[in-house]
Amino acid sequence: MKRIRHLLSAAAAAALVLSSAQAVEFHPIMGVTSDTDATDLWPASNLIAGPGVGFDAAEPHDVLGTTGSGTAWVTDDPNGATGDYFVPVPTPGPRLVFDFGEVVPLGEVSIWGYSNDNGNGMISCDLRFSDTGVFEGDPVSITGITQPTVPRQSFTFPTVLARYVEMTPTDNLFGIAPPGGDRVGLAEVAFEKVVFSEDPVISVQTPLELTLTRMLEVFDIPIANLGQDDLVISGYTFSGTDAAAFDVPAGPANLAGLSSDLFELEFDPAGLEGAVSATLHIASNDPASPVFDVEISGV
């Protein structure tokens, strides 16, 4: 039977907003690029000139950005001075890619408002992560960015290990806070450093909602160690209604601290119809979760 292979994202989840008034330490960002650079009014490089460096160097990093070519990023207005930047969405963009220069643990993004009086400010975006610069899998969607009244907002998401972050703005304040909205912009973006346990900590996306066919399929599932000590994986077992349809033919036995890998999740549809469900049990030396359960479902 033919095997169909899929790659699932480990970071697809809704983000949670945190208070902006807190002392934090941010990862240094080595560079940022914009797919709209050819028509950006103010450059994307302004987005990484803030915490510890530029206009908002001091704690608690809550200074509101001011519109200007030296302190903010903003696109051109492809739909005209009175049009909505996102109707229609221009091609390419907008799309920003942040480079940390090395793989780092990420679990939070801080976003500074574009200005206090202009509808150009971004109010939602999608994030995707990569250690190679190739972005795959479902995004983390961030909504509820309440520009312009809050200088900095912080949003958490499931911790990932990545060198690159892709940020795709999906809406601005057009029609909500005039004038503006013919462009999309931000004052600053930063990513807080995550504090990790010394113990090994297993991390796998759960629940796993699989799109299944009548073919034998293999899903490459990300698995990470979010602790500092080595994670030793001693076994993969299944329980539940359709446990016999699943197998893990290959996967790591050991993950170094703050590292990630993939394991193969195989599904055999023989004799099955309709909804499918099972629970994967991953045994390891994680002291908090010696058996980590992953709920699996599909149709």
Protein backbone atom coordinates (compact mmCIF):
# COMPACT_ATOMS: atom_id res chain seq x y z
CA MET A 1 0.00 0.00 0.00
CA LYS A 2 1.30 3.47 -0.88
CA ARG A 3 2.48 5.63 2.02
CA ILE A 4 1.54 9.30 2.01
CA ARG A 5 3.78 11.52 4.15
CA HIS A 6 2.74 14.71 5.93
CA LEU A 7 4.50 17.24 8.18
CA LEU A 8 2.47 18.65 11.07
CA SER A 9 3.26 21.92 12.80
CA ALA A 10 3.92 21.87 16.53
CA ALA A 11 3.06 25.54 17.04
CA ALA A 12 -0.43 25.95 15.63
CA ALA A 13 -2.48 27.42 18.47
CA ALA A 14 -4.24 30.59 19.48
CA ALA A 15 -2.05 33.14 21.23
CA LEU A 16 -2.82 34.54 24.67
CA VAL A 17 -2.36 38.22 25.53
CA LEU A 18 -0.36 39.29 28.58
CA SER A 19 0.01 42.61 30.36
CA SER A 20 2.54 45.00 28.85
CA ALA A 21 3.88 46.43 32.11
CA GLN A 22 6.38 43.75 33.11
CA ALA A 23 10.16 43.56 33.26
CA VAL A 24 11.40 41.27 30.52
CA GLU A 25 14.57 40.30 28.65
CA PHE A 26 14.38 39.99 24.88
CA HIS A 27 16.29 37.86 22.37
CA PRO A 28 18.64 39.90 20.17
CA ILE A 29 17.32 39.96 16.58
CA MET A 30 20.07 39.94 13.98
CA GLY A 31 17.96 41.10 11.04
CA VAL A 32 14.50 41.55 9.55
CA THR A 33 13.32 41.60 5.94
CA SER A 34 10.05 42.60 4.32
CA ASP A 35 8.50 41.22 1.13
CA THR A 36 7.18 44.72 0.62
CA ASP A 37 10.63 46.37 0.84
CA ALA A 38 10.35 47.62 -2.74
CA THR A 39 7.35 49.77 -1.78
CA ASP A 40 7.69 50.21 2.01
CA LEU A 41 7.44 53.87 2.99
CA TRP A 42 9.55 53.33 6.13
CA PRO A 43 11.97 50.38 6.39
CA ALA A 44 11.44 47.12 8.28
CA SER A 45 14.80 47.64 10.01
CA ASN A 46 13.04 50.13 12.30
CA LEU A 47 11.15 47.22 13.87
CA ILE A 48 14.23 45.93 15.71
CA ALA A 49 15.68 49.25 16.89
CA GLY A 50 13.79 49.45 20.17
CA PRO A 51 14.13 47.41 23.38
CA GLY A 52 17.62 47.82 24.78
CA VAL A 53 18.69 49.81 21.73
CA GLY A 54 16.41 52.58 20.56
CA PHE A 55 13.42 54.65 21.57
CA ASP A 56 12.21 52.21 24.28
CA ALA A 57 15.48 50.97 25.78
CA ALA A 58 14.43 51.23 29.44
CA GLU A 59 12.14 48.95 31.44
CA PRO A 60 9.26 48.35 31.28
CA HIS A 61 9.51 48.86 27.50
CA ASP A 62 6.10 50.52 27.17
CA VAL A 63 6.79 53.71 25.22
CA LEU A 64 4.33 54.27 22.38
CA GLY A 65 5.96 54.53 18.97
CA THR A 66 5.63 57.78 17.06
CA THR A 67 5.07 57.79 13.33
CA GLY A 68 8.23 58.67 11.46
CA SER A 69 10.82 57.26 9.12
CA GLY A 70 13.23 56.54 12.00
CA THR A 71 10.93 54.80 14.50
CA ALA A 72 8.35 52.71 12.64
CA TRP A 73 7.76 50.38 9.68
CA VAL A 74 4.91 51.06 7.28
CA THR A 75 4.04 49.88 3.78
CA ASP A 76 3.05 51.91 0.75
CA ASP A 77 -0.64 52.35 -0.16
CA PRO A 78 -1.21 50.03 -3.15
CA ASN A 79 -5.00 50.57 -3.09
CA GLY A 80 -4.81 54.36 -2.95
CA ALA A 81 -4.71 57.00 -0.24
CA THR A 82 -8.32 56.43 0.88
CA GLY A 83 -8.50 52.67 0.26
CA ASP A 84 -8.22 49.71 2.60
CA TYR A 85 -4.72 48.18 2.35
CA PHE A 86 -6.22 44.68 2.65
CA VAL A 87 -8.95 45.10 -0.04
CA PRO A 88 -7.65 43.63 -2.22
CA VAL A 89 -4.62 42.17 -0.47
CA PRO A 90 -1.54 43.28 -2.46
CA THR A 91 0.93 40.81 -3.94
CA PRO A 92 3.45 40.32 -2.49
CA GLY A 93 2.93 41.00 1.14
CA PRO A 94 2.83 42.16 3.67
CA ARG A 95 5.27 39.61 5.15
CA LEU A 96 8.09 40.13 7.65
CA VAL A 97 10.83 37.60 8.49
CA PHE A 98 12.89 37.99 11.69
CA ASP A 99 16.28 36.26 11.98
CA PHE A 100 17.85 35.56 15.39
CA GLY A 101 21.10 34.29 13.90
CA GLU A 102 20.76 30.96 15.73
CA VAL A 103 18.03 28.61 16.91
CA VAL A 104 16.44 30.01 20.08
CA PRO A 105 13.45 29.04 22.25
CA LEU A 106 10.41 31.22 21.56
CA GLY A 107 7.12 31.43 23.41
CA GLU A 108 6.15 35.13 23.38
CA VAL A 109 6.00 38.08 21.02
CA SER A 110 5.75 41.74 22.02
CA ILE A 111 4.21 44.24 19.62
CA TRP A 112 4.35 48.05 19.84
CA GLY A 113 1.61 50.22 18.35
CA TYR A 114 2.30 52.14 15.15
CA SER A 115 1.10 55.48 16.58
CA ASN A 116 -1.58 56.95 18.77
CA ASP A 117 -3.77 58.49 16.07
CA ASN A 118 -3.60 56.51 12.82
CA GLY A 119 -5.55 53.55 11.47
CA ASN A 120 -2.48 52.10 9.74
CA GLY A 121 -1.65 50.08 12.86
CA MET A 122 -1.69 46.28 12.56
CA ILE A 123 -4.39 44.61 14.70
CA SER A 124 -3.88 40.94 13.77
CA CYS A 125 -1.23 38.71 12.22
CA ASP A 126 -0.11 35.12 11.64
CA LEU A 127 3.21 33.73 12.92
CA ARG A 128 5.12 30.73 11.56
CA PHE A 129 8.49 29.38 12.72
CA SER A 130 11.49 27.70 11.09
CA ASP A 131 15.09 26.78 11.82
CA THR A 132 15.96 26.76 8.10
CA GLY A 133 14.04 29.71 6.64
CA VAL A 134 11.45 27.43 4.99
CA PHE A 135 8.05 27.93 6.65
CA GLU A 136 5.62 25.01 6.74
CA GLY A 137 2.60 24.02 8.77
CA ASP A 138 -0.28 25.97 10.27
CA PRO A 139 0.34 29.46 11.70
CA VAL A 140 -0.20 30.84 15.17
CA SER A 141 -2.88 33.52 14.77
CA ILE A 142 -2.63 36.62 16.94
CA THR A 143 -5.67 38.86 17.31
CA GLY A 144 -6.81 41.55 19.71
CA ILE A 145 -3.89 43.94 19.19
CA THR A 146 -5.62 47.01 20.62
CA GLN A 147 -3.73 49.78 18.91
CA PRO A 148 -3.47 52.63 19.48
CA THR A 149 -4.35 52.77 23.18
CA VAL A 150 -1.76 50.25 24.51
CA PRO A 151 1.95 50.98 23.93
CA ARG A 152 3.10 47.35 24.08
CA GLN A 153 1.18 44.11 24.15
CA SER A 154 2.65 40.65 24.72
CA PHE A 155 1.18 37.42 23.37
CA THR A 156 2.22 33.90 24.38
CA PHE A 157 2.12 30.80 22.17
CA PRO A 158 3.25 27.17 22.56
CA THR A 159 7.03 27.17 22.96
CA VAL A 160 9.02 26.34 19.83
CA LEU A 161 12.68 26.23 18.86
CA ALA A 162 13.38 28.34 15.77
CA ARG A 163 15.87 30.68 14.14
CA TYR A 164 13.35 32.49 11.92
CA VAL A 165 9.88 33.91 12.55
CA GLU A 166 7.56 34.85 9.72
CA MET A 167 4.99 37.53 10.63
CA THR A 168 2.15 38.11 8.17
CA PRO A 169 -0.16 41.05 9.06
CA THR A 170 -3.80 40.17 8.35
CA ASP A 171 -5.69 43.36 9.27
CA ASN A 172 -5.32 46.97 10.38
CA LEU A 173 -7.53 49.66 11.92
CA PHE A 174 -9.14 50.76 8.65
CA GLY A 175 -12.72 51.81 9.37
CA ILE A 176 -12.17 51.60 13.12
CA ALA A 177 -9.85 54.49 13.96
CA PRO A 178 -9.62 56.98 11.08
CA PRO A 179 -7.68 58.43 9.43
CA GLY A 180 -5.49 55.77 7.86
CA GLY A 181 -5.77 52.14 6.92
CA ASP A 182 -4.42 52.61 3.41
CA ARG A 183 -1.10 51.23 4.75
CA VAL A 184 -0.15 48.77 7.49
CA GLY A 185 2.55 49.44 10.05
CA LEU A 186 4.16 48.77 13.43
CA ALA A 187 6.60 50.57 15.70
CA GLU A 188 8.49 47.60 17.17
CA VAL A 189 8.57 43.80 17.48
CA ALA A 190 10.51 41.76 20.07
CA PHE A 191 10.55 38.21 21.44
CA GLU A 192 11.00 37.51 25.15
CA LYS A 193 13.58 35.00 26.36
CA VAL A 194 11.96 31.87 27.80
CA VAL A 195 13.16 30.49 31.15
CA PHE A 196 13.52 26.71 31.11
CA SER A 197 13.58 23.98 33.71
CA GLU A 198 16.82 22.10 34.34
CA ASP A 199 14.84 18.85 34.06
CA PRO A 200 13.91 17.40 30.66
CA VAL A 201 10.49 18.58 29.47
CA ILE A 202 8.68 16.79 26.65
CA SER A 203 6.58 18.85 24.23
CA VAL A 204 4.29 17.45 21.51
CA GLN A 205 1.24 19.10 20.00
CA THR A 206 -2.00 17.77 21.48
CA PRO A 207 -4.64 17.19 20.35
CA LEU A 208 -3.52 16.05 16.90
CA GLU A 209 -6.35 16.49 14.39
CA LEU A 210 -5.38 14.50 11.29
CA THR A 211 -6.79 14.74 7.77
CA LEU A 212 -7.03 11.08 6.79
CA THR A 213 -7.61 9.24 3.51
CA ARG A 214 -8.06 5.59 2.53
CA MET A 215 -4.31 5.30 1.97
CA LEU A 216 -1.61 4.24 4.40
CA GLU A 217 -0.25 7.54 5.71
CA VAL A 218 2.81 8.61 7.67
CA PHE A 219 2.78 11.89 9.60
CA ASP A 220 6.07 13.48 10.68
CA ILE A 221 5.27 14.86 14.13
CA PRO A 222 7.57 17.41 15.83
CA ILE A 223 8.73 16.50 19.33
CA ALA A 224 10.82 18.85 21.46
CA ASN A 225 12.75 18.87 24.72
CA LEU A 226 12.08 22.21 26.41
CA GLY A 227 14.29 21.40 29.39
CA GLN A 228 18.04 21.66 29.77
CA ASP A 229 18.85 18.00 30.60
CA ASP A 230 18.64 15.22 27.99
CA LEU A 231 15.19 13.76 27.33
CA VAL A 232 15.27 9.97 27.11
CA ILE A 233 12.25 8.44 25.34
CA SER A 234 11.61 4.82 26.32
CA GLY A 235 8.51 3.95 24.34
CA TYR A 236 5.45 4.84 22.23
CA THR A 237 2.20 2.97 22.90
CA PHE A 238 -1.46 3.47 21.97
CA SER A 239 -4.86 3.05 23.58
CA GLY A 240 -8.42 3.88 22.63
CA THR A 241 -11.01 2.84 20.06
CA ASP A 242 -8.71 2.74 17.03
CA ALA A 243 -5.35 2.16 18.71
CA ALA A 244 -4.56 -0.77 16.42
CA ALA A 245 -4.64 1.52 13.36
CA PHE A 246 -1.64 3.56 14.57
CA ASP A 247 2.06 2.85 14.97
CA VAL A 248 5.32 4.75 15.55
CA PRO A 249 7.82 2.99 13.24
CA ALA A 250 10.62 5.51 13.88
CA GLY A 251 11.41 8.22 16.38
CA PRO A 252 14.22 9.65 18.51
CA ALA A 253 15.32 7.83 21.65
CA ASN A 254 17.20 10.81 23.03
CA LEU A 255 16.81 14.58 22.68
CA ALA A 256 19.47 16.96 23.96
CA GLY A 257 18.38 19.93 26.03
CA LEU A 258 16.49 22.63 24.10
CA SER A 259 16.35 20.61 20.89
CA SER A 260 13.70 19.11 18.64
CA ASP A 261 13.24 16.25 16.17
CA LEU A 262 10.47 14.32 14.39
CA PHE A 263 8.83 10.97 14.99
CA GLU A 264 6.79 9.00 12.46
CA LEU A 265 3.11 8.45 13.21
CA GLU A 266 1.73 5.79 10.85
CA PHE A 267 -1.99 5.31 10.17
CA ASP A 268 -3.42 2.23 8.44
CA PRO A 269 -7.08 2.76 7.40
CA ALA A 270 -7.80 -0.92 6.72
CA GLY A 271 -11.34 -1.76 7.82
CA LEU A 272 -12.12 1.71 9.19
CA GLU A 273 -14.87 4.17 8.24
CA GLY A 274 -15.88 7.53 9.69
CA ALA A 275 -14.41 9.12 12.80
CA VAL A 276 -11.13 7.74 14.13
CA SER A 277 -9.62 8.30 17.57
CA ALA A 278 -6.79 7.02 19.75
CA THR A 279 -4.38 8.17 22.43
CA LEU A 280 -0.61 8.03 21.98
CA HIS A 281 1.37 7.49 25.20
CA ILE A 282 5.02 8.62 25.11
CA ALA A 283 7.12 7.35 28.02
CA SER A 284 10.20 9.37 28.96
CA ASN A 285 12.32 10.62 31.85
CA ASP A 286 10.37 13.89 32.09
CA PRO A 287 9.74 13.93 35.88
CA ALA A 288 6.56 15.99 35.52
CA SER A 289 5.07 13.86 32.70
CA PRO A 290 6.65 10.39 32.74
CA VAL A 291 3.88 9.34 30.32
CA PHE A 292 2.83 12.14 27.98
CA ASP A 293 -0.57 11.63 26.33
CA VAL A 294 -1.33 12.88 22.83
CA GLU A 295 -5.00 12.76 21.78
CA ILE A 296 -5.40 11.79 18.10
CA SER A 297 -8.52 12.26 16.01
CA GLY A 298 -9.50 12.28 12.35
CA VAL A 299 -12.10 11.20 9.83
